[in-house]
Amino acid sequence: MITIIATAIERFFGTPENIEVNARVNRVAGLAAAEKYDGRVLKITGNRAKVCWPKGEKTVEDLNSLVLIAE
């Protein structure tokens, strides 16, 4: 139960990871969006990032909803 609360606090009040341009990322599922895998960061502006997903889909995401993929 504590891990769920800690995850929620980190999700809404935490700082984004060290995500840079051209980094590989996943999007965490939320209330408004489904989970996505294996995206590539194209551009970062403030707390938002333009991400290219497989099959060429491009979206603008909040940095707090992205998780860096360890390579």
C-alpha atoms as a PDB file:
ATOM      1  CA  MET A   1       0.000   0.000   0.000  1.00  0.00           C
ATOM      2  CA  ILE A   2       2.845   2.377   0.808  1.00  0.00           C
ATOM      3  CA  THR A   3       4.424   1.812  -2.618  1.00  0.00           C
ATOM      4  CA  ILE A   4       1.189   2.857  -4.337  1.00  0.00           C
ATOM      5  CA  ILE A   5       1.087   6.072  -2.314  1.00  0.00           C
ATOM      6  CA  ALA A   6       4.788   6.741  -2.937  1.00  0.00           C
ATOM      7  CA  THR A   7       4.317   6.165  -6.667  1.00  0.00           C
ATOM      8  CA  ALA A   8       1.364   8.563  -6.773  1.00  0.00           C
ATOM      9  CA  ILE A   9       3.315  11.258  -4.909  1.00  0.00           C
ATOM     10  CA  GLU A  10       6.324  10.839  -7.209  1.00  0.00           C
ATOM     11  CA  ARG A  11       4.068  10.878 -10.280  1.00  0.00           C
ATOM     12  CA  PHE A  12       2.368  14.170  -9.441  1.00  0.00           C
ATOM     13  CA  PHE A  13       4.974  16.041  -7.400  1.00  0.00           C
ATOM     14  CA  GLY A  14       8.293  14.474  -8.367  1.00  0.00           C
ATOM     15  CA  THR A  15      10.892  15.881 -10.695  1.00  0.00           C
ATOM     16  CA  PRO A  16      11.347  14.418 -14.162  1.00  0.00           C
ATOM     17  CA  GLU A  17      14.238  12.081 -14.818  1.00  0.00           C
ATOM     18  CA  ASN A  18      17.314  13.209 -16.722  1.00  0.00           C
ATOM     19  CA  ILE A  19      15.603  12.869 -20.098  1.00  0.00           C
ATOM     20  CA  GLU A  20      17.503  14.334 -23.029  1.00  0.00           C
ATOM     21  CA  VAL A  21      16.864  14.708 -26.749  1.00  0.00           C
ATOM     22  CA  ASN A  22      17.160  11.375 -28.619  1.00  0.00           C
ATOM     23  CA  ALA A  23      16.637   9.355 -25.403  1.00  0.00           C
ATOM     24  CA  ARG A  24      14.467   6.221 -25.505  1.00  0.00           C
ATOM     25  CA  VAL A  25      11.395   6.479 -23.264  1.00  0.00           C
ATOM     26  CA  ASN A  26       8.157   4.773 -22.239  1.00  0.00           C
ATOM     27  CA  ARG A  27       4.973   6.627 -21.296  1.00  0.00           C
ATOM     28  CA  VAL A  28       3.322   5.706 -18.005  1.00  0.00           C
ATOM     29  CA  ALA A  29      -0.412   5.010 -18.205  1.00  0.00           C
ATOM     30  CA  GLY A  30      -2.593   7.699 -16.681  1.00  0.00           C
ATOM     31  CA  LEU A  31      -6.227   8.701 -16.523  1.00  0.00           C
ATOM     32  CA  ALA A  32      -6.163  10.377 -19.938  1.00  0.00           C
ATOM     33  CA  ALA A  33      -3.703   8.181 -21.846  1.00  0.00           C
ATOM     34  CA  ALA A  34      -2.662   4.569 -22.283  1.00  0.00           C
ATOM     35  CA  GLU A  35       0.820   3.218 -21.730  1.00  0.00           C
ATOM     36  CA  LYS A  36       3.220   3.433 -24.695  1.00  0.00           C
ATOM     37  CA  TYR A  37       6.562   1.769 -25.277  1.00  0.00           C
ATOM     38  CA  ASP A  38       9.844   2.532 -27.064  1.00  0.00           C
ATOM     39  CA  GLY A  39       9.520   6.193 -27.966  1.00  0.00           C
ATOM     40  CA  ARG A  40      12.334   8.527 -29.017  1.00  0.00           C
ATOM     41  CA  VAL A  41      12.476  12.120 -27.689  1.00  0.00           C
ATOM     42  CA  LEU A  42      12.676  14.604 -30.577  1.00  0.00           C
ATOM     43  CA  LYS A  43      12.484  17.952 -28.753  1.00  0.00           C
ATOM     44  CA  ILE A  44      12.156  19.244 -25.186  1.00  0.00           C
ATOM     45  CA  THR A  45      10.454  22.561 -24.387  1.00  0.00           C
ATOM     46  CA  GLY A  46      10.001  23.382 -20.702  1.00  0.00           C
ATOM     47  CA  ASN A  47       8.257  20.399 -19.041  1.00  0.00           C
ATOM     48  CA  ARG A  48       6.981  18.987 -22.351  1.00  0.00           C
ATOM     49  CA  ALA A  49       8.670  16.688 -24.859  1.00  0.00           C
ATOM     50  CA  LYS A  50       7.811  15.817 -28.450  1.00  0.00           C
ATOM     51  CA  VAL A  51       8.117  12.032 -28.749  1.00  0.00           C
ATOM     52  CA  CYS A  52       8.116   9.810 -31.830  1.00  0.00           C
ATOM     53  CA  TRP A  53       6.560   6.389 -31.196  1.00  0.00           C
ATOM     54  CA  PRO A  54       6.838   3.263 -33.358  1.00  0.00           C
ATOM     55  CA  LYS A  55       4.899   3.451 -36.636  1.00  0.00           C
ATOM     56  CA  GLY A  56       5.704   7.183 -36.901  1.00  0.00           C
ATOM     57  CA  GLU A  57       3.141   8.500 -34.406  1.00  0.00           C
ATOM     58  CA  LYS A  58       4.315  11.771 -32.811  1.00  0.00           C
ATOM     59  CA  THR A  59       2.873  13.181 -29.581  1.00  0.00           C
ATOM     60  CA  VAL A  60       3.683  15.934 -27.078  1.00  0.00           C
ATOM     61  CA  GLU A  61       4.077  14.479 -23.577  1.00  0.00           C
ATOM     62  CA  ASP A  62       4.589  15.822 -20.076  1.00  0.00           C
ATOM     63  CA  LEU A  63       8.105  14.926 -18.877  1.00  0.00           C
ATOM     64  CA  ASN A  64       6.663  13.585 -15.606  1.00  0.00           C
ATOM     65  CA  SER A  65       4.779  10.892 -17.539  1.00  0.00           C
ATOM     66  CA  LEU A  66       7.900   9.618 -19.330  1.00  0.00           C
ATOM     67  CA  VAL A  67      10.272   6.962 -18.005  1.00  0.00           C
ATOM     68  CA  LEU A  68      13.805   6.663 -19.346  1.00  0.00           C
ATOM     69  CA  ILE A  69      14.721   3.273 -20.837  1.00  0.00           C
ATOM     70  CA  ALA A  70      18.083   2.043 -19.533  1.00  0.00           C
ATOM     71  CA  GLU A  71      20.316   0.977 -22.391  1.00  0.00           C
END
